[in-house]
Amino acid sequence: MANRIGSHMGKIGVLIGLVVLVGLVAPVAALPNGQPAFPEGESEYFQLTGHYVKGPFLEFFRKFGGSRILGYPQTEVYYDARLGLWVQYFDNVRMEWHPENPPPYQVQLGLLGEELGRRTPPIPPDQAPRRNPLRKYFPETGHTVSYAFLTFFQQNGGLDVFGYPISEPLIENGRIVQYFQRTRLEWHPERPRGDRVVVGALGLAYIQKFGVPEEYRRPQPLSARPATVSPSEEKTSLRAYAFVRYPVTGREGYQTVYLYVTDAGRQPMRGVQATVKVYFPGESAVYPMNATDSRGVSSLTFYFSGLPSGQKIVIEVTVQAGTQVITVPTSFVVWY
């Protein structure tokens, strides 16, 4: 079973890599009877996963922390007949379009924590904290949010992003986590101080468990004229994109990191040096990458073992060409 899943994810990883080199046919989302079209508007392409984020979903993405909070897009926008909504999946969340709501609330995040069955019984009322600024009790679900998780919750969108807590902090695979209606928070003591709370990959967990239509997971080609250019790209002629072969892996095996480097005119750059830093639980490892070839491409394969299921492994690829240095992220999730 693991081999079949690994093979399937490997094909997805290869497709992500090829999106910068070959054209793929974008799926056309059929307009359901009686349903208004999704208001696409401005769009932004994410080379890391090969998907676009558009219109109100892009506005929400930018407003509420971008990839740091929501993760990268894992599908295109599509109409989910089961939910009766236009949706888009990201690493950590599912965005939903609710046109019947007032404008500030037309984009909602799906209740993935609930749908994945992570709700636990409420704590007894006599255990609710009293007048403690470091702990907050939510009578709506009967759970508390405390300390670093509470600070992160309050500073990054609160109920709009996370929803109400549906569990107390608990240990999963040796890590402290807490589930909310829409997301999961994780405590990563190995990360730098002030950056130890991470949003868990519930979007990928949902896709792994329930699946989404394959045609909307397929990476899309980058149009000739990108809809937007990030501020970092405006300041440098060096552009780099990193991605992994297996977005979801087992607890042990080999992972390959791919790098694609271009100049400001999107022409491949040969001979660019890079290093790969992998943040394993409790430690990190740095690997040198071979210089990019004539296609602007390089890759690195490394071995890992003993990783806990549900762990998101963050990878940073630092690229240097002359005096220009940029760092681009990617990641994978240990699941089966």
C-alpha atoms as a PDB file:
ATOM      1  CA  MET A   1       0.000   0.000   0.000  1.00  0.00           C
ATOM      2  CA  ALA A   2       2.752   2.426   0.973  1.00  0.00           C
ATOM      3  CA  ASN A   3       4.580   1.687  -2.287  1.00  0.00           C
ATOM      4  CA  ARG A   4       1.449   2.409  -4.320  1.00  0.00           C
ATOM      5  CA  ILE A   5       0.881   5.701  -2.505  1.00  0.00           C
ATOM      6  CA  GLY A   6       4.540   6.667  -2.831  1.00  0.00           C
ATOM      7  CA  SER A   7       4.429   5.922  -6.564  1.00  0.00           C
ATOM      8  CA  HIS A   8       1.296   8.006  -7.003  1.00  0.00           C
ATOM      9  CA  MET A   9       2.749  10.947  -5.064  1.00  0.00           C
ATOM     10  CA  GLY A  10       5.945  10.626  -7.044  1.00  0.00           C
ATOM     11  CA  LYS A  11       3.975  11.167 -10.251  1.00  0.00           C
ATOM     12  CA  ILE A  12       2.398  14.287  -8.776  1.00  0.00           C
ATOM     13  CA  GLY A  13       5.830  15.574  -7.753  1.00  0.00           C
ATOM     14  CA  VAL A  14       7.171  15.008 -11.268  1.00  0.00           C
ATOM     15  CA  LEU A  15       4.207  16.879 -12.737  1.00  0.00           C
ATOM     16  CA  ILE A  16       4.912  19.813 -10.435  1.00  0.00           C
ATOM     17  CA  GLY A  17       8.481  19.884 -11.673  1.00  0.00           C
ATOM     18  CA  LEU A  18       7.498  19.691 -15.337  1.00  0.00           C
ATOM     19  CA  VAL A  19       5.031  22.561 -15.084  1.00  0.00           C
ATOM     20  CA  VAL A  20       7.847  25.045 -15.619  1.00  0.00           C
ATOM     21  CA  LEU A  21       9.092  23.157 -18.669  1.00  0.00           C
ATOM     22  CA  VAL A  22       6.022  21.934 -20.538  1.00  0.00           C
ATOM     23  CA  GLY A  23       2.457  23.101 -21.025  1.00  0.00           C
ATOM     24  CA  LEU A  24      -0.513  21.296 -19.513  1.00  0.00           C
ATOM     25  CA  VAL A  25      -4.161  21.799 -20.414  1.00  0.00           C
ATOM     26  CA  ALA A  26      -6.003  23.643 -17.661  1.00  0.00           C
ATOM     27  CA  PRO A  27      -9.262  22.049 -16.556  1.00  0.00           C
ATOM     28  CA  VAL A  28     -12.464  23.909 -17.230  1.00  0.00           C
ATOM     29  CA  ALA A  29     -14.805  24.066 -14.247  1.00  0.00           C
ATOM     30  CA  ALA A  30     -18.307  23.477 -15.533  1.00  0.00           C
ATOM     31  CA  LEU A  31     -20.802  26.042 -14.261  1.00  0.00           C
ATOM     32  CA  PRO A  32     -23.456  24.171 -12.227  1.00  0.00           C
ATOM     33  CA  ASN A  33     -27.070  24.903 -13.073  1.00  0.00           C
ATOM     34  CA  GLY A  34     -28.281  27.941 -11.193  1.00  0.00           C
ATOM     35  CA  GLN A  35     -24.872  28.671  -9.682  1.00  0.00           C
ATOM     36  CA  PRO A  36     -23.166  32.047 -10.189  1.00  0.00           C
ATOM     37  CA  ALA A  37     -19.684  31.936 -11.663  1.00  0.00           C
ATOM     38  CA  PHE A  38     -16.783  32.309  -9.270  1.00  0.00           C
ATOM     39  CA  PRO A  39     -15.538  35.940  -9.421  1.00  0.00           C
ATOM     40  CA  GLU A  40     -11.936  35.269 -10.424  1.00  0.00           C
ATOM     41  CA  GLY A  41     -10.559  38.827 -10.764  1.00  0.00           C
ATOM     42  CA  GLU A  42      -6.832  39.249 -10.092  1.00  0.00           C
ATOM     43  CA  SER A  43      -4.789  36.041  -9.945  1.00  0.00           C
ATOM     44  CA  GLU A  44      -1.393  34.922  -8.704  1.00  0.00           C
ATOM     45  CA  TYR A  45       0.526  31.823  -9.799  1.00  0.00           C
ATOM     46  CA  PHE A  46       2.374  29.695  -7.238  1.00  0.00           C
ATOM     47  CA  GLN A  47       5.272  27.935  -8.929  1.00  0.00           C
ATOM     48  CA  LEU A  48       5.843  25.726  -5.880  1.00  0.00           C
ATOM     49  CA  THR A  49       2.652  23.737  -6.497  1.00  0.00           C
ATOM     50  CA  GLY A  50       1.639  24.863  -9.993  1.00  0.00           C
ATOM     51  CA  HIS A  51      -1.706  26.434  -9.050  1.00  0.00           C
ATOM     52  CA  TYR A  52      -3.393  29.821  -9.288  1.00  0.00           C
ATOM     53  CA  VAL A  53      -5.179  31.692  -6.494  1.00  0.00           C
ATOM     54  CA  LYS A  54      -7.760  34.148  -7.795  1.00  0.00           C
ATOM     55  CA  GLY A  55     -10.233  36.869  -6.940  1.00  0.00           C
ATOM     56  CA  PRO A  56     -11.680  36.860  -3.409  1.00  0.00           C
ATOM     57  CA  PHE A  57      -9.622  33.803  -2.450  1.00  0.00           C
ATOM     58  CA  LEU A  58      -6.448  35.734  -3.306  1.00  0.00           C
ATOM     59  CA  GLU A  59      -7.653  38.719  -1.266  1.00  0.00           C
ATOM     60  CA  PHE A  60      -8.307  36.466   1.734  1.00  0.00           C
ATOM     61  CA  PHE A  61      -4.943  34.726   1.254  1.00  0.00           C
ATOM     62  CA  ARG A  62      -3.069  38.034   1.340  1.00  0.00           C
ATOM     63  CA  LYS A  63      -5.087  39.410   4.246  1.00  0.00           C
ATOM     64  CA  PHE A  64      -4.662  36.419   6.553  1.00  0.00           C
ATOM     65  CA  GLY A  65      -0.990  35.557   6.423  1.00  0.00           C
ATOM     66  CA  GLY A  66      -0.519  33.952   3.007  1.00  0.00           C
ATOM     67  CA  SER A  67       1.448  30.705   2.833  1.00  0.00           C
ATOM     68  CA  ARG A  68       2.762  31.115   6.408  1.00  0.00           C
ATOM     69  CA  ILE A  69      -0.746  30.541   7.793  1.00  0.00           C
ATOM     70  CA  LEU A  70      -2.769  28.974   4.994  1.00  0.00           C
ATOM     71  CA  GLY A  71      -0.067  27.058   3.114  1.00  0.00           C
ATOM     72  CA  TYR A  72       0.277  26.820  -0.672  1.00  0.00           C
ATOM     73  CA  PRO A  73      -2.606  26.015  -3.050  1.00  0.00           C
ATOM     74  CA  GLN A  74      -3.024  22.295  -3.716  1.00  0.00           C
ATOM     75  CA  THR A  75      -5.926  22.557  -6.204  1.00  0.00           C
ATOM     76  CA  GLU A  76      -7.493  25.007  -8.584  1.00  0.00           C
ATOM     77  CA  VAL A  77     -10.832  26.595  -7.684  1.00  0.00           C
ATOM     78  CA  TYR A  78     -13.654  24.151  -8.471  1.00  0.00           C
ATOM     79  CA  TYR A  79     -17.316  23.604  -7.683  1.00  0.00           C
ATOM     80  CA  ASP A  80     -17.872  20.916  -5.041  1.00  0.00           C
ATOM     81  CA  ALA A  81     -21.334  19.507  -5.685  1.00  0.00           C
ATOM     82  CA  ARG A  82     -21.347  17.743  -2.302  1.00  0.00           C
ATOM     83  CA  LEU A  83     -20.885  21.032  -0.465  1.00  0.00           C
ATOM     84  CA  GLY A  84     -22.721  23.148  -3.026  1.00  0.00           C
ATOM     85  CA  LEU A  85     -19.840  25.627  -2.990  1.00  0.00           C
ATOM     86  CA  TRP A  86     -16.865  26.851  -4.989  1.00  0.00           C
ATOM     87  CA  VAL A  87     -13.796  25.674  -3.058  1.00  0.00           C
ATOM     88  CA  GLN A  88     -10.003  25.569  -3.203  1.00  0.00           C
ATOM     89  CA  TYR A  89      -7.681  23.436  -1.069  1.00  0.00           C
ATOM     90  CA  PHE A  90      -4.420  24.669   0.413  1.00  0.00           C
ATOM     91  CA  ASP A  91      -1.809  22.837   2.517  1.00  0.00           C
ATOM     92  CA  ASN A  92      -3.564  23.826   5.733  1.00  0.00           C
ATOM     93  CA  VAL A  93      -7.126  24.870   4.891  1.00  0.00           C
ATOM     94  CA  ARG A  94     -10.044  24.747   2.467  1.00  0.00           C
ATOM     95  CA  MET A  95     -11.375  28.077   1.185  1.00  0.00           C
ATOM     96  CA  GLU A  96     -15.106  28.290   0.422  1.00  0.00           C
ATOM     97  CA  TRP A  97     -17.050  30.949  -1.498  1.00  0.00           C
ATOM     98  CA  HIS A  98     -20.352  31.958   0.170  1.00  0.00           C
ATOM     99  CA  PRO A  99     -21.868  34.662  -2.101  1.00  0.00           C
ATOM    100  CA  GLU A 100     -24.990  34.869   0.060  1.00  0.00           C
ATOM    101  CA  ASN A 101     -22.998  36.313   2.995  1.00  0.00           C
ATOM    102  CA  PRO A 102     -22.181  40.002   3.532  1.00  0.00           C
ATOM    103  CA  PRO A 103     -18.922  40.976   1.706  1.00  0.00           C
ATOM    104  CA  PRO A 104     -16.559  40.605   4.696  1.00  0.00           C
ATOM    105  CA  TYR A 105     -17.704  37.008   5.203  1.00  0.00           C
ATOM    106  CA  GLN A 106     -18.134  35.668   1.679  1.00  0.00           C
ATOM    107  CA  VAL A 107     -14.852  33.751   1.923  1.00  0.00           C
ATOM    108  CA  GLN A 108     -14.961  31.204   4.733  1.00  0.00           C
ATOM    109  CA  LEU A 109     -12.533  28.441   5.716  1.00  0.00           C
ATOM    110  CA  GLY A 110     -13.983  24.941   5.804  1.00  0.00           C
ATOM    111  CA  LEU A 111     -14.431  23.111   9.097  1.00  0.00           C
ATOM    112  CA  LEU A 112     -11.705  20.551   8.375  1.00  0.00           C
ATOM    113  CA  GLY A 113     -11.008  19.863  12.048  1.00  0.00           C
ATOM    114  CA  GLU A 114     -14.641  18.852  12.503  1.00  0.00           C
ATOM    115  CA  GLU A 115     -14.808  16.876   9.254  1.00  0.00           C
ATOM    116  CA  LEU A 116     -11.669  14.937  10.181  1.00  0.00           C
ATOM    117  CA  GLY A 117     -13.280  13.989  13.506  1.00  0.00           C
ATOM    118  CA  ARG A 118     -10.891  15.851  15.831  1.00  0.00           C
ATOM    119  CA  ARG A 119     -13.478  17.218  18.286  1.00  0.00           C
ATOM    120  CA  THR A 120     -13.033  15.981  21.867  1.00  0.00           C
ATOM    121  CA  PRO A 121     -15.402  16.305  24.871  1.00  0.00           C
ATOM    122  CA  PRO A 122     -15.483  19.737  26.547  1.00  0.00           C
ATOM    123  CA  ILE A 123     -13.661  20.275  29.817  1.00  0.00           C
ATOM    124  CA  PRO A 124     -15.754  20.465  33.012  1.00  0.00           C
ATOM    125  CA  PRO A 125     -16.942  24.053  33.619  1.00  0.00           C
ATOM    126  CA  ASP A 126     -15.136  24.186  36.962  1.00  0.00           C
ATOM    127  CA  GLN A 127     -11.816  23.760  35.100  1.00  0.00           C
ATOM    128  CA  ALA A 128     -12.377  26.841  32.950  1.00  0.00           C
ATOM    129  CA  PRO A 129      -9.723  29.501  33.695  1.00  0.00           C
ATOM    130  CA  ARG A 130     -10.815  32.598  35.587  1.00  0.00           C
ATOM    131  CA  ARG A 131      -9.260  36.037  34.955  1.00  0.00           C
ATOM    132  CA  ASN A 132      -6.072  34.640  33.452  1.00  0.00           C
ATOM    133  CA  PRO A 133      -4.877  36.747  30.486  1.00  0.00           C
ATOM    134  CA  LEU A 134      -2.739  33.839  29.274  1.00  0.00           C
ATOM    135  CA  ARG A 135      -5.690  31.466  28.976  1.00  0.00           C
ATOM    136  CA  LYS A 136      -9.066  32.009  27.297  1.00  0.00           C
ATOM    137  CA  TYR A 137     -12.126  29.794  27.696  1.00  0.00           C
ATOM    138  CA  PHE A 138     -14.567  29.429  24.785  1.00  0.00           C
ATOM    139  CA  PRO A 139     -17.986  28.381  26.145  1.00  0.00           C
ATOM    140  CA  GLU A 140     -19.210  27.803  22.571  1.00  0.00           C
ATOM    141  CA  THR A 141     -17.197  24.564  22.433  1.00  0.00           C
ATOM    142  CA  GLY A 142     -16.104  24.162  26.056  1.00  0.00           C
ATOM    143  CA  HIS A 143     -12.343  24.368  25.402  1.00  0.00           C
ATOM    144  CA  THR A 144      -9.505  26.734  26.244  1.00  0.00           C
ATOM    145  CA  VAL A 145      -6.659  28.269  24.246  1.00  0.00           C
ATOM    146  CA  SER A 146      -3.553  29.100  26.244  1.00  0.00           C
ATOM    147  CA  TYR A 147      -0.087  30.657  26.236  1.00  0.00           C
ATOM    148  CA  ALA A 148       1.765  30.595  22.876  1.00  0.00           C
ATOM    149  CA  PHE A 149      -1.217  29.081  21.070  1.00  0.00           C
ATOM    150  CA  LEU A 150      -3.460  31.891  22.360  1.00  0.00           C
ATOM    151  CA  THR A 151      -0.991  34.580  21.281  1.00  0.00           C
ATOM    152  CA  PHE A 152      -0.707  33.032  17.803  1.00  0.00           C
ATOM    153  CA  PHE A 153      -4.509  32.684  17.581  1.00  0.00           C
ATOM    154  CA  GLN A 154      -5.079  36.330  18.493  1.00  0.00           C
ATOM    155  CA  GLN A 155      -2.368  37.699  16.197  1.00  0.00           C
ATOM    156  CA  ASN A 156      -3.244  35.707  13.068  1.00  0.00           C
ATOM    157  CA  GLY A 157      -6.949  36.031  12.399  1.00  0.00           C
ATOM    158  CA  GLY A 158      -8.656  34.517  15.433  1.00  0.00           C
ATOM    159  CA  LEU A 159     -12.063  32.968  14.766  1.00  0.00           C
ATOM    160  CA  ASP A 160     -12.037  33.940  11.057  1.00  0.00           C
ATOM    161  CA  VAL A 161      -9.026  31.715  10.414  1.00  0.00           C
ATOM    162  CA  PHE A 162      -9.036  29.089  13.148  1.00  0.00           C
ATOM    163  CA  GLY A 163     -12.634  28.859  14.370  1.00  0.00           C
ATOM    164  CA  TYR A 164     -13.346  27.755  17.930  1.00  0.00           C
ATOM    165  CA  PRO A 165     -11.067  25.252  19.694  1.00  0.00           C
ATOM    166  CA  ILE A 166     -12.461  21.714  19.591  1.00  0.00           C
ATOM    167  CA  SER A 167      -9.810  20.059  21.776  1.00  0.00           C
ATOM    168  CA  GLU A 168      -7.435  20.892  24.568  1.00  0.00           C
ATOM    169  CA  PRO A 169      -3.694  20.683  23.804  1.00  0.00           C
ATOM    170  CA  LEU A 170      -2.712  17.035  23.336  1.00  0.00           C
ATOM    171  CA  ILE A 171       0.276  14.962  22.303  1.00  0.00           C
ATOM    172  CA  GLU A 172       0.361  13.508  18.801  1.00  0.00           C
ATOM    173  CA  ASN A 173       3.470  11.654  17.658  1.00  0.00           C
ATOM    174  CA  GLY A 174       5.518  13.296  20.392  1.00  0.00           C
ATOM    175  CA  ARG A 175       4.389  16.838  19.543  1.00  0.00           C
ATOM    176  CA  ILE A 176       1.974  19.196  21.322  1.00  0.00           C
ATOM    177  CA  VAL A 177      -0.953  20.070  19.057  1.00  0.00           C
ATOM    178  CA  GLN A 178      -4.409  21.590  19.436  1.00  0.00           C
ATOM    179  CA  TYR A 179      -7.355  21.258  17.076  1.00  0.00           C
ATOM    180  CA  PHE A 180      -9.696  24.043  16.036  1.00  0.00           C
ATOM    181  CA  GLN A 181     -12.780  23.892  13.849  1.00  0.00           C
ATOM    182  CA  ARG A 182     -10.808  24.990  10.785  1.00  0.00           C
ATOM    183  CA  THR A 183      -7.141  24.233  11.542  1.00  0.00           C
ATOM    184  CA  ARG A 184      -4.575  22.590  13.799  1.00  0.00           C
ATOM    185  CA  LEU A 185      -1.849  24.406  15.726  1.00  0.00           C
ATOM    186  CA  GLU A 186       1.475  22.665  16.462  1.00  0.00           C
ATOM    187  CA  TRP A 187       4.292  23.469  18.894  1.00  0.00           C
ATOM    188  CA  HIS A 188       7.780  23.170  17.351  1.00  0.00           C
ATOM    189  CA  PRO A 189      10.392  23.816  20.062  1.00  0.00           C
ATOM    190  CA  GLU A 190      13.209  23.206  17.566  1.00  0.00           C
ATOM    191  CA  ARG A 191      12.304  26.370  15.644  1.00  0.00           C
ATOM    192  CA  PRO A 192      13.633  29.868  16.499  1.00  0.00           C
ATOM    193  CA  ARG A 193      12.084  31.669  19.460  1.00  0.00           C
ATOM    194  CA  GLY A 194       8.968  33.559  18.407  1.00  0.00           C
ATOM    195  CA  ASP A 195       8.351  31.187  15.486  1.00  0.00           C
ATOM    196  CA  ARG A 196       7.554  27.944  17.277  1.00  0.00           C
ATOM    197  CA  VAL A 197       3.814  27.791  16.617  1.00  0.00           C
ATOM    198  CA  VAL A 198       3.038  26.327  13.196  1.00  0.00           C
ATOM    199  CA  VAL A 199      -0.288  25.739  11.439  1.00  0.00           C
ATOM    200  CA  GLY A 200      -0.731  22.029  10.679  1.00  0.00           C
ATOM    201  CA  ALA A 201      -1.430  20.631   7.214  1.00  0.00           C
ATOM    202  CA  LEU A 202      -5.127  19.753   7.608  1.00  0.00           C
ATOM    203  CA  GLY A 203      -5.806  20.520   3.950  1.00  0.00           C
ATOM    204  CA  LEU A 204      -3.360  17.825   2.869  1.00  0.00           C
ATOM    205  CA  ALA A 205      -4.717  15.487   5.554  1.00  0.00           C
ATOM    206  CA  TYR A 206      -8.238  15.940   4.179  1.00  0.00           C
ATOM    207  CA  ILE A 207      -7.076  15.320   0.599  1.00  0.00           C
ATOM    208  CA  GLN A 208      -5.229  12.193   1.728  1.00  0.00           C
ATOM    209  CA  LYS A 209      -8.272  10.820   3.561  1.00  0.00           C
ATOM    210  CA  PHE A 210     -11.175  11.837   1.334  1.00  0.00           C
ATOM    211  CA  GLY A 211      -9.593  12.828  -1.980  1.00  0.00           C
ATOM    212  CA  VAL A 212     -10.455  15.623  -4.418  1.00  0.00           C
ATOM    213  CA  PRO A 213     -11.066  15.464  -8.194  1.00  0.00           C
ATOM    214  CA  GLU A 214      -7.745  14.687  -9.845  1.00  0.00           C
ATOM    215  CA  GLU A 215      -8.273  17.183 -12.666  1.00  0.00           C
ATOM    216  CA  TYR A 216      -8.178  20.045 -10.151  1.00  0.00           C
ATOM    217  CA  ARG A 217      -5.049  18.756  -8.390  1.00  0.00           C
ATOM    218  CA  ARG A 218      -3.120  18.662 -11.660  1.00  0.00           C
ATOM    219  CA  PRO A 219      -0.488  21.471 -11.819  1.00  0.00           C
ATOM    220  CA  GLN A 220      -1.289  24.191 -14.311  1.00  0.00           C
ATOM    221  CA  PRO A 221       1.010  25.927 -16.823  1.00  0.00           C
ATOM    222  CA  LEU A 222       2.333  29.386 -16.095  1.00  0.00           C
ATOM    223  CA  SER A 223       0.750  31.857 -18.511  1.00  0.00           C
ATOM    224  CA  ALA A 224       3.025  33.943 -20.732  1.00  0.00           C
ATOM    225  CA  ARG A 225       2.365  37.023 -18.608  1.00  0.00           C
ATOM    226  CA  PRO A 226       2.083  36.348 -14.888  1.00  0.00           C
ATOM    227  CA  ALA A 227      -0.884  38.130 -13.324  1.00  0.00           C
ATOM    228  CA  THR A 228       1.240  39.361 -10.448  1.00  0.00           C
ATOM    229  CA  VAL A 229       4.890  39.657  -9.509  1.00  0.00           C
ATOM    230  CA  SER A 230       5.949  39.336  -5.898  1.00  0.00           C
ATOM    231  CA  PRO A 231       7.915  42.212  -4.297  1.00  0.00           C
ATOM    232  CA  SER A 232      11.006  39.995  -3.977  1.00  0.00           C
ATOM    233  CA  GLU A 233      10.955  39.338  -7.728  1.00  0.00           C
ATOM    234  CA  GLU A 234      10.768  43.052  -8.484  1.00  0.00           C
ATOM    235  CA  LYS A 235      13.972  43.703  -6.527  1.00  0.00           C
ATOM    236  CA  THR A 236      16.187  40.999  -8.048  1.00  0.00           C
ATOM    237  CA  SER A 237      16.908  39.461 -11.414  1.00  0.00           C
ATOM    238  CA  LEU A 238      17.299  36.042  -9.776  1.00  0.00           C
ATOM    239  CA  ARG A 239      14.211  33.856  -9.476  1.00  0.00           C
ATOM    240  CA  ALA A 240      14.107  30.412  -7.918  1.00  0.00           C
ATOM    241  CA  TYR A 241      11.423  27.790  -7.362  1.00  0.00           C
ATOM    242  CA  ALA A 242      11.785  24.723  -5.140  1.00  0.00           C
ATOM    243  CA  PHE A 243       9.532  21.682  -4.804  1.00  0.00           C
ATOM    244  CA  VAL A 244       9.711  18.098  -3.600  1.00  0.00           C
ATOM    245  CA  ARG A 245       9.137  14.872  -5.467  1.00  0.00           C
ATOM    246  CA  TYR A 246       6.834  13.424  -2.795  1.00  0.00           C
ATOM    247  CA  PRO A 247       4.473  15.959  -1.136  1.00  0.00           C
ATOM    248  CA  VAL A 248       3.278  13.174   1.193  1.00  0.00           C
ATOM    249  CA  THR A 249       5.593  10.382   2.398  1.00  0.00           C
ATOM    250  CA  GLY A 250       5.935   7.511   4.817  1.00  0.00           C
ATOM    251  CA  ARG A 251       7.990   7.702   8.005  1.00  0.00           C
ATOM    252  CA  GLU A 252      11.135   6.416   6.277  1.00  0.00           C
ATOM    253  CA  GLY A 253      12.534   6.714   2.781  1.00  0.00           C
ATOM    254  CA  TYR A 254      14.143   9.037   0.255  1.00  0.00           C
ATOM    255  CA  GLN A 255      13.014  12.529  -0.664  1.00  0.00           C
ATOM    256  CA  THR A 256      14.181  14.580  -3.639  1.00  0.00           C
ATOM    257  CA  VAL A 257      14.243  18.368  -3.713  1.00  0.00           C
ATOM    258  CA  TYR A 258      14.120  20.023  -7.149  1.00  0.00           C
ATOM    259  CA  LEU A 259      15.299  23.544  -7.915  1.00  0.00           C
ATOM    260  CA  TYR A 260      14.540  25.670 -10.974  1.00  0.00           C
ATOM    261  CA  VAL A 261      16.342  29.003 -11.409  1.00  0.00           C
ATOM    262  CA  THR A 262      15.735  31.741 -13.992  1.00  0.00           C
ATOM    263  CA  ASP A 263      16.724  35.346 -14.592  1.00  0.00           C
ATOM    264  CA  ALA A 264      14.275  38.279 -14.680  1.00  0.00           C
ATOM    265  CA  GLY A 265      13.339  37.364 -18.244  1.00  0.00           C
ATOM    266  CA  ARG A 266      12.496  33.829 -17.086  1.00  0.00           C
ATOM    267  CA  GLN A 267      15.441  32.354 -18.978  1.00  0.00           C
ATOM    268  CA  PRO A 268      17.119  29.358 -17.257  1.00  0.00           C
ATOM    269  CA  MET A 269      20.332  30.153 -15.376  1.00  0.00           C
ATOM    270  CA  ARG A 270      23.201  27.659 -15.549  1.00  0.00           C
ATOM    271  CA  GLY A 271      25.872  27.154 -12.870  1.00  0.00           C
ATOM    272  CA  VAL A 272      23.894  28.573  -9.928  1.00  0.00           C
ATOM    273  CA  GLN A 273      24.926  27.213  -6.512  1.00  0.00           C
ATOM    274  CA  ALA A 274      22.452  26.315  -3.762  1.00  0.00           C
ATOM    275  CA  THR A 275      22.204  24.639  -0.358  1.00  0.00           C
ATOM    276  CA  VAL A 276      19.248  22.758   1.123  1.00  0.00           C
ATOM    277  CA  LYS A 277      18.338  23.026   4.817  1.00  0.00           C
ATOM    278  CA  VAL A 278      15.878  20.443   6.137  1.00  0.00           C
ATOM    279  CA  TYR A 279      14.165  21.067   9.484  1.00  0.00           C
ATOM    280  CA  PHE A 280      13.726  17.638  11.027  1.00  0.00           C
ATOM    281  CA  PRO A 281      12.051  17.349  14.463  1.00  0.00           C
ATOM    282  CA  GLY A 282      14.579  18.591  17.033  1.00  0.00           C
ATOM    283  CA  GLU A 283      17.373  19.199  14.524  1.00  0.00           C
ATOM    284  CA  SER A 284      18.215  20.458  11.061  1.00  0.00           C
ATOM    285  CA  ALA A 285      20.504  19.204   8.304  1.00  0.00           C
ATOM    286  CA  VAL A 286      22.232  21.155   5.517  1.00  0.00           C
ATOM    287  CA  TYR A 287      23.071  19.575   2.147  1.00  0.00           C
ATOM    288  CA  PRO A 288      24.981  21.137  -0.778  1.00  0.00           C
ATOM    289  CA  MET A 289      23.265  20.996  -4.159  1.00  0.00           C
ATOM    290  CA  ASN A 290      24.927  20.512  -7.524  1.00  0.00           C
ATOM    291  CA  ALA A 291      25.051  23.631  -9.695  1.00  0.00           C
ATOM    292  CA  THR A 292      22.085  24.094 -12.009  1.00  0.00           C
ATOM    293  CA  ASP A 293      22.372  22.659 -15.519  1.00  0.00           C
ATOM    294  CA  SER A 294      21.589  24.287 -18.873  1.00  0.00           C
ATOM    295  CA  ARG A 295      17.873  24.026 -18.097  1.00  0.00           C
ATOM    296  CA  GLY A 296      18.339  25.940 -14.828  1.00  0.00           C
ATOM    297  CA  VAL A 297      17.521  22.733 -12.935  1.00  0.00           C
ATOM    298  CA  SER A 298      19.222  20.935 -10.050  1.00  0.00           C
ATOM    299  CA  SER A 299      18.118  18.290  -7.568  1.00  0.00           C
ATOM    300  CA  LEU A 300      19.152  16.691  -4.301  1.00  0.00           C
ATOM    301  CA  THR A 301      18.067  13.389  -2.781  1.00  0.00           C
ATOM    302  CA  PHE A 302      18.374  12.657   0.944  1.00  0.00           C
ATOM    303  CA  TYR A 303      17.382   9.816   3.261  1.00  0.00           C
ATOM    304  CA  PHE A 304      15.192  10.139   6.351  1.00  0.00           C
ATOM    305  CA  SER A 305      13.770   7.730   8.920  1.00  0.00           C
ATOM    306  CA  GLY A 306      11.818   7.608  12.164  1.00  0.00           C
ATOM    307  CA  LEU A 307       9.720  10.701  11.443  1.00  0.00           C
ATOM    308  CA  PRO A 308       6.368  10.941  13.270  1.00  0.00           C
ATOM    309  CA  SER A 309       3.172  10.604  11.254  1.00  0.00           C
ATOM    310  CA  GLY A 310       1.462  13.955  10.699  1.00  0.00           C
ATOM    311  CA  GLN A 311       4.763  15.868  10.822  1.00  0.00           C
ATOM    312  CA  LYS A 312       5.288  18.700   8.327  1.00  0.00           C
ATOM    313  CA  ILE A 313       8.955  18.850   7.287  1.00  0.00           C
ATOM    314  CA  VAL A 314       9.966  22.351   6.215  1.00  0.00           C
ATOM    315  CA  ILE A 315      12.787  22.772   3.683  1.00  0.00           C
ATOM    316  CA  GLU A 316      14.611  25.975   2.772  1.00  0.00           C
ATOM    317  CA  VAL A 317      16.699  26.208  -0.414  1.00  0.00           C
ATOM    318  CA  THR A 318      19.197  29.075  -0.415  1.00  0.00           C
ATOM    319  CA  VAL A 319      20.317  30.107  -3.896  1.00  0.00           C
ATOM    320  CA  GLN A 320      23.321  32.293  -4.717  1.00  0.00           C
ATOM    321  CA  ALA A 321      24.295  33.816  -8.057  1.00  0.00           C
ATOM    322  CA  GLY A 322      27.040  36.419  -7.788  1.00  0.00           C
ATOM    323  CA  THR A 323      26.010  38.877  -5.077  1.00  0.00           C
ATOM    324  CA  GLN A 324      22.352  37.845  -5.189  1.00  0.00           C
ATOM    325  CA  VAL A 325      21.088  35.454  -2.507  1.00  0.00           C
ATOM    326  CA  ILE A 326      17.497  34.333  -2.067  1.00  0.00           C
ATOM    327  CA  THR A 327      15.853  31.591  -0.006  1.00  0.00           C
ATOM    328  CA  VAL A 328      12.771  29.715  -1.188  1.00  0.00           C
ATOM    329  CA  PRO A 329      10.710  27.254   0.871  1.00  0.00           C
ATOM    330  CA  THR A 330       9.092  23.912   0.230  1.00  0.00           C
ATOM    331  CA  SER A 331       7.883  21.102   2.490  1.00  0.00           C
ATOM    332  CA  PHE A 332       6.420  17.625   2.702  1.00  0.00           C
ATOM    333  CA  VAL A 333       4.119  15.856   5.137  1.00  0.00           C
ATOM    334  CA  VAL A 334       4.802  12.500   6.803  1.00  0.00           C
ATOM    335  CA  TRP A 335       1.507  10.678   6.783  1.00  0.00           C
ATOM    336  CA  TYR A 336       1.349   6.912   6.246  1.00  0.00           C
END
